[in-house]
């Protein structure tokens, strides 16, 4: 599933440039457990284990989670290789990203 450039990906890129994201499973998990993550995004093509792990973790730590795009798209938005997951560390940016994700789905 290749997504055309959109506001959600633009905001993820902006958050990354501002140093407000943590990409990859290890860093995402660390930020959720430390309480700094305000939103977790997991690629839709991530393994079922990865999705379940983050779903349960985010439920426990009360962090919003979204399943969005694919690993290549998430990685590209961050200017990196593919990423299965990322954490957004800024509440304002997280709200904007969630808003765009929710309007894109409808």
N, C-alpha and C. Protein backbone atom coordinates (compact mmCIF):
# COMPACT_ATOMS: atom_id res chain seq x y z
N UNK A 1 0.84 -1.18 0.00
CA UNK A 1 0.00 0.00 0.00
C UNK A 1 0.89 1.24 0.00
N UNK A 2 1.01 1.87 -1.12
CA UNK A 2 1.82 3.09 -1.22
C UNK A 2 0.90 4.29 -1.03
N UNK A 3 1.23 5.11 -0.05
CA UNK A 3 0.42 6.30 0.21
C UNK A 3 1.04 7.49 -0.50
N UNK A 4 0.19 8.31 -1.10
CA UNK A 4 0.71 9.52 -1.72
C UNK A 4 1.12 10.48 -0.61
N UNK A 5 2.03 11.40 -0.89
CA UNK A 5 2.44 12.35 0.14
C UNK A 5 1.20 13.06 0.69
N UNK A 6 1.09 13.13 2.00
CA UNK A 6 -0.08 13.75 2.60
C UNK A 6 0.32 14.49 3.86
N UNK A 7 -0.66 15.10 4.47
CA UNK A 7 -0.39 15.92 5.66
C UNK A 7 0.13 15.08 6.83
N UNK A 8 -0.39 13.87 6.97
CA UNK A 8 0.06 13.01 8.07
C UNK A 8 1.56 12.74 7.94
N UNK A 9 1.98 12.34 6.75
CA UNK A 9 3.41 12.06 6.55
C UNK A 9 4.24 13.33 6.69
N UNK A 10 3.71 14.43 6.23
CA UNK A 10 4.40 15.72 6.38
C UNK A 10 4.61 16.08 7.84
N UNK A 11 3.58 15.86 8.64
CA UNK A 11 3.68 16.16 10.07
C UNK A 11 4.66 15.23 10.77
N UNK A 12 4.68 13.95 10.35
CA UNK A 12 5.66 13.02 10.93
C UNK A 12 7.07 13.50 10.59
N UNK A 13 7.26 13.92 9.34
CA UNK A 13 8.56 14.46 8.93
C UNK A 13 8.94 15.69 9.73
N UNK A 14 7.97 16.59 9.92
CA UNK A 14 8.21 17.81 10.69
C UNK A 14 8.58 17.48 12.14
N UNK A 15 7.84 16.54 12.73
CA UNK A 15 8.12 16.13 14.11
C UNK A 15 9.52 15.53 14.22
N UNK A 16 9.92 14.76 13.20
CA UNK A 16 11.24 14.14 13.20
C UNK A 16 12.33 15.21 13.11
N UNK A 17 12.14 16.18 12.21
CA UNK A 17 13.13 17.27 12.07
C UNK A 17 13.26 18.06 13.37
N UNK A 18 12.14 18.18 14.10
CA UNK A 18 12.14 18.91 15.37
C UNK A 18 12.69 18.06 16.52
N UNK A 19 13.05 16.82 16.21
CA UNK A 19 13.58 15.94 17.25
C UNK A 19 12.51 15.42 18.20
N UNK A 20 11.27 15.37 17.71
CA UNK A 20 10.15 14.97 18.56
C UNK A 20 9.60 13.59 18.21
N UNK A 21 10.41 12.73 17.57
CA UNK A 21 9.99 11.36 17.32
C UNK A 21 11.11 10.41 17.73
N UNK A 22 10.72 9.18 17.99
CA UNK A 22 11.68 8.11 18.24
C UNK A 22 11.23 6.95 17.36
N UNK A 23 12.11 6.50 16.47
CA UNK A 23 11.73 5.46 15.52
C UNK A 23 12.37 4.12 15.84
N UNK A 24 11.67 3.06 15.43
CA UNK A 24 12.18 1.71 15.68
C UNK A 24 11.56 1.14 16.94
N UNK A 25 11.49 -0.18 16.99
CA UNK A 25 10.80 -0.83 18.11
C UNK A 25 11.42 -0.52 19.47
N UNK A 26 12.74 -0.59 19.56
CA UNK A 26 13.42 -0.40 20.84
C UNK A 26 13.18 1.00 21.39
N UNK A 27 13.39 2.02 20.55
CA UNK A 27 13.22 3.40 21.01
C UNK A 27 11.76 3.72 21.28
N UNK A 28 10.85 3.20 20.46
CA UNK A 28 9.42 3.43 20.69
C UNK A 28 9.01 2.87 22.04
N UNK A 29 9.44 1.64 22.31
CA UNK A 29 9.12 0.99 23.59
C UNK A 29 9.68 1.80 24.76
N UNK A 30 10.92 2.26 24.62
CA UNK A 30 11.55 3.03 25.70
C UNK A 30 10.77 4.31 25.99
N UNK A 31 10.34 5.01 24.93
CA UNK A 31 9.61 6.27 25.12
C UNK A 31 8.23 6.06 25.73
N UNK A 32 7.56 4.97 25.36
CA UNK A 32 6.25 4.66 25.94
C UNK A 32 6.42 4.39 27.44
N UNK A 33 7.38 3.55 27.77
CA UNK A 33 7.58 3.17 29.18
C UNK A 33 8.08 4.33 30.03
N UNK A 34 8.78 5.28 29.41
CA UNK A 34 9.29 6.44 30.17
C UNK A 34 8.20 7.49 30.35
N UNK A 35 7.09 7.36 29.62
CA UNK A 35 6.01 8.32 29.74
C UNK A 35 6.13 9.51 28.81
N UNK A 36 7.14 9.53 27.94
CA UNK A 36 7.32 10.67 27.02
C UNK A 36 6.50 10.56 25.74
N UNK A 37 6.10 9.34 25.36
CA UNK A 37 5.36 9.16 24.11
C UNK A 37 3.94 9.70 24.25
N UNK A 38 3.51 10.50 23.25
CA UNK A 38 2.15 11.04 23.26
C UNK A 38 1.30 10.37 22.16
N UNK A 39 1.95 9.63 21.28
CA UNK A 39 1.27 8.88 20.22
C UNK A 39 2.24 7.83 19.69
N UNK A 40 1.73 6.64 19.45
CA UNK A 40 2.54 5.58 18.83
C UNK A 40 1.90 5.24 17.49
N UNK A 41 2.73 5.16 16.45
CA UNK A 41 2.26 4.77 15.13
C UNK A 41 2.98 3.49 14.75
N UNK A 42 2.20 2.47 14.38
CA UNK A 42 2.76 1.18 13.98
C UNK A 42 2.35 0.92 12.54
N UNK A 43 3.30 0.48 11.72
CA UNK A 43 3.01 0.19 10.32
C UNK A 43 2.01 -0.95 10.22
N UNK A 44 1.09 -0.83 9.25
CA UNK A 44 0.09 -1.88 9.07
C UNK A 44 0.71 -3.20 8.62
N UNK A 45 1.90 -3.14 8.00
CA UNK A 45 2.54 -4.38 7.56
C UNK A 45 3.57 -4.90 8.58
N UNK A 46 3.53 -4.37 9.79
CA UNK A 46 4.39 -4.90 10.86
C UNK A 46 3.86 -6.29 11.24
N UNK A 47 4.71 -7.09 11.86
CA UNK A 47 4.28 -8.44 12.24
C UNK A 47 3.16 -8.37 13.26
N UNK A 48 2.36 -9.43 13.31
CA UNK A 48 1.25 -9.49 14.27
C UNK A 48 1.78 -9.38 15.71
N UNK A 49 2.95 -9.98 15.97
CA UNK A 49 3.54 -9.89 17.30
C UNK A 49 3.84 -8.45 17.67
N UNK A 50 4.43 -7.71 16.73
CA UNK A 50 4.77 -6.30 16.97
C UNK A 50 3.51 -5.49 17.23
N UNK A 51 2.49 -5.70 16.40
CA UNK A 51 1.24 -4.95 16.58
C UNK A 51 0.63 -5.23 17.95
N UNK A 52 0.58 -6.52 18.31
CA UNK A 52 -0.02 -6.91 19.58
C UNK A 52 0.79 -6.36 20.76
N UNK A 53 2.11 -6.42 20.65
CA UNK A 53 2.98 -5.92 21.72
C UNK A 53 2.72 -4.43 21.98
N UNK A 54 2.68 -3.64 20.90
CA UNK A 54 2.47 -2.20 21.07
C UNK A 54 1.03 -1.89 21.48
N UNK A 55 0.08 -2.65 20.96
CA UNK A 55 -1.33 -2.45 21.34
C UNK A 55 -1.47 -2.63 22.85
N UNK A 56 -0.92 -3.73 23.37
CA UNK A 56 -1.01 -4.01 24.81
C UNK A 56 -0.25 -2.97 25.63
N UNK A 57 0.95 -2.61 25.18
CA UNK A 57 1.78 -1.65 25.90
C UNK A 57 1.09 -0.29 25.96
N UNK A 58 0.53 0.15 24.83
CA UNK A 58 -0.12 1.46 24.78
C UNK A 58 -1.39 1.48 25.62
N UNK A 59 -2.09 0.36 25.65
CA UNK A 59 -3.27 0.25 26.49
C UNK A 59 -2.87 0.40 27.96
N UNK A 60 -1.83 -0.31 28.35
CA UNK A 60 -1.37 -0.30 29.74
C UNK A 60 -0.89 1.09 30.16
N UNK A 61 -0.09 1.74 29.29
CA UNK A 61 0.48 3.05 29.62
C UNK A 61 -0.43 4.21 29.18
N UNK A 62 -1.61 3.89 28.65
CA UNK A 62 -2.59 4.88 28.21
C UNK A 62 -2.01 5.87 27.19
N UNK A 63 -1.40 5.32 26.17
CA UNK A 63 -0.85 6.12 25.07
C UNK A 63 -1.69 5.81 23.82
N UNK A 64 -2.18 6.83 23.11
CA UNK A 64 -2.94 6.57 21.88
C UNK A 64 -2.06 5.83 20.86
N UNK A 65 -2.67 4.90 20.13
CA UNK A 65 -1.92 4.15 19.12
C UNK A 65 -2.72 4.16 17.82
N UNK A 66 -2.00 4.25 16.71
CA UNK A 66 -2.63 4.18 15.38
C UNK A 66 -1.83 3.20 14.53
N UNK A 67 -2.53 2.47 13.67
CA UNK A 67 -1.89 1.61 12.69
C UNK A 67 -2.03 2.32 11.36
N UNK A 68 -0.89 2.59 10.71
CA UNK A 68 -0.93 3.48 9.56
C UNK A 68 0.19 3.17 8.57
N UNK A 69 -0.14 3.20 7.31
CA UNK A 69 0.88 3.07 6.27
C UNK A 69 1.63 1.76 6.32
N UNK A 70 2.80 1.75 5.71
CA UNK A 70 3.67 0.57 5.75
C UNK A 70 5.04 0.98 6.25
N UNK A 71 5.90 -0.01 6.46
CA UNK A 71 7.22 0.26 7.03
C UNK A 71 8.03 1.24 6.18
N UNK A 72 7.99 1.05 4.87
CA UNK A 72 8.74 1.94 3.98
C UNK A 72 8.24 3.38 4.08
N UNK A 73 6.92 3.55 4.09
CA UNK A 73 6.34 4.88 4.15
C UNK A 73 6.68 5.58 5.46
N UNK A 74 6.56 4.86 6.57
CA UNK A 74 6.90 5.46 7.87
C UNK A 74 8.38 5.83 7.92
N UNK A 75 9.22 4.93 7.46
CA UNK A 75 10.66 5.21 7.44
C UNK A 75 10.97 6.39 6.56
N UNK A 76 10.36 6.45 5.39
CA UNK A 76 10.58 7.55 4.45
C UNK A 76 10.16 8.88 5.06
N UNK A 77 9.02 8.89 5.75
CA UNK A 77 8.54 10.12 6.39
C UNK A 77 9.54 10.62 7.43
N UNK A 78 10.28 9.69 8.04
CA UNK A 78 11.28 10.06 9.05
C UNK A 78 12.66 10.29 8.44
N UNK A 79 12.77 10.09 7.12
CA UNK A 79 14.07 10.26 6.46
C UNK A 79 15.03 9.13 6.79
N UNK A 80 14.49 7.95 7.04
CA UNK A 80 15.31 6.81 7.43
C UNK A 80 14.94 5.59 6.58
N UNK A 81 15.61 4.46 6.87
CA UNK A 81 15.21 3.18 6.29
C UNK A 81 13.84 2.84 6.85
N UNK A 82 13.31 1.68 6.48
CA UNK A 82 11.97 1.33 6.95
C UNK A 82 11.90 1.28 8.47
N UNK A 83 10.73 1.66 9.00
CA UNK A 83 10.47 1.64 10.44
C UNK A 83 9.12 0.99 10.68
N UNK A 84 9.07 0.02 11.59
CA UNK A 84 7.80 -0.64 11.91
C UNK A 84 6.99 0.18 12.90
N UNK A 85 7.68 1.01 13.69
CA UNK A 85 6.97 1.79 14.70
C UNK A 85 7.71 3.09 14.98
N UNK A 86 6.95 4.06 15.48
CA UNK A 86 7.56 5.30 15.93
C UNK A 86 6.70 5.90 17.02
N UNK A 87 7.34 6.68 17.88
CA UNK A 87 6.63 7.38 18.95
C UNK A 87 6.76 8.87 18.69
N UNK A 88 5.66 9.60 18.84
CA UNK A 88 5.68 11.06 18.75
C UNK A 88 5.77 11.57 20.18
N UNK A 89 6.71 12.52 20.42
CA UNK A 89 7.01 12.95 21.78
C UNK A 89 6.45 14.32 22.12
N UNK A 90 5.65 14.89 21.24
CA UNK A 90 5.11 16.23 21.46
C UNK A 90 3.58 16.17 21.35
N UNK A 91 2.88 16.62 22.38
CA UNK A 91 1.42 16.51 22.42
C UNK A 91 0.76 17.28 21.28
N UNK A 92 1.24 18.48 20.99
CA UNK A 92 0.66 19.28 19.92
C UNK A 92 0.79 18.61 18.56
N UNK A 93 1.98 18.13 18.25
CA UNK A 93 2.20 17.42 16.98
C UNK A 93 1.39 16.13 16.94
N UNK A 94 1.32 15.43 18.06
CA UNK A 94 0.55 14.18 18.11
C UNK A 94 -0.93 14.44 17.81
N UNK A 95 -1.46 15.52 18.37
CA UNK A 95 -2.87 15.86 18.12
C UNK A 95 -3.10 16.14 16.64
N UNK A 96 -2.18 16.90 16.03
CA UNK A 96 -2.30 17.21 14.61
C UNK A 96 -2.23 15.96 13.74
N UNK A 97 -1.32 15.07 14.07
CA UNK A 97 -1.16 13.82 13.30
C UNK A 97 -2.42 12.96 13.45
N UNK A 98 -2.91 12.83 14.69
CA UNK A 98 -4.14 12.03 14.91
C UNK A 98 -5.31 12.62 14.14
N UNK A 99 -5.44 13.94 14.15
CA UNK A 99 -6.55 14.59 13.45
C UNK A 99 -6.50 14.28 11.96
N UNK A 100 -5.31 14.38 11.35
CA UNK A 100 -5.19 14.09 9.92
C UNK A 100 -5.41 12.61 9.62
N UNK A 101 -4.91 11.73 10.48
CA UNK A 101 -5.14 10.30 10.27
C UNK A 101 -6.62 9.98 10.33
N UNK A 102 -7.33 10.56 11.28
CA UNK A 102 -8.76 10.27 11.44
C UNK A 102 -9.57 10.81 10.27
N UNK A 103 -9.17 11.97 9.72
CA UNK A 103 -9.93 12.51 8.58
C UNK A 103 -9.59 11.78 7.29
N UNK A 104 -8.37 11.26 7.17
CA UNK A 104 -7.99 10.51 5.96
C UNK A 104 -8.74 9.18 5.87
N UNK A 105 -8.99 8.57 7.03
CA UNK A 105 -9.65 7.26 7.03
C UNK A 105 -11.10 7.35 6.56
N UNK A 106 -11.74 8.51 6.77
CA UNK A 106 -13.17 8.66 6.42
C UNK A 106 -13.35 9.11 5.00
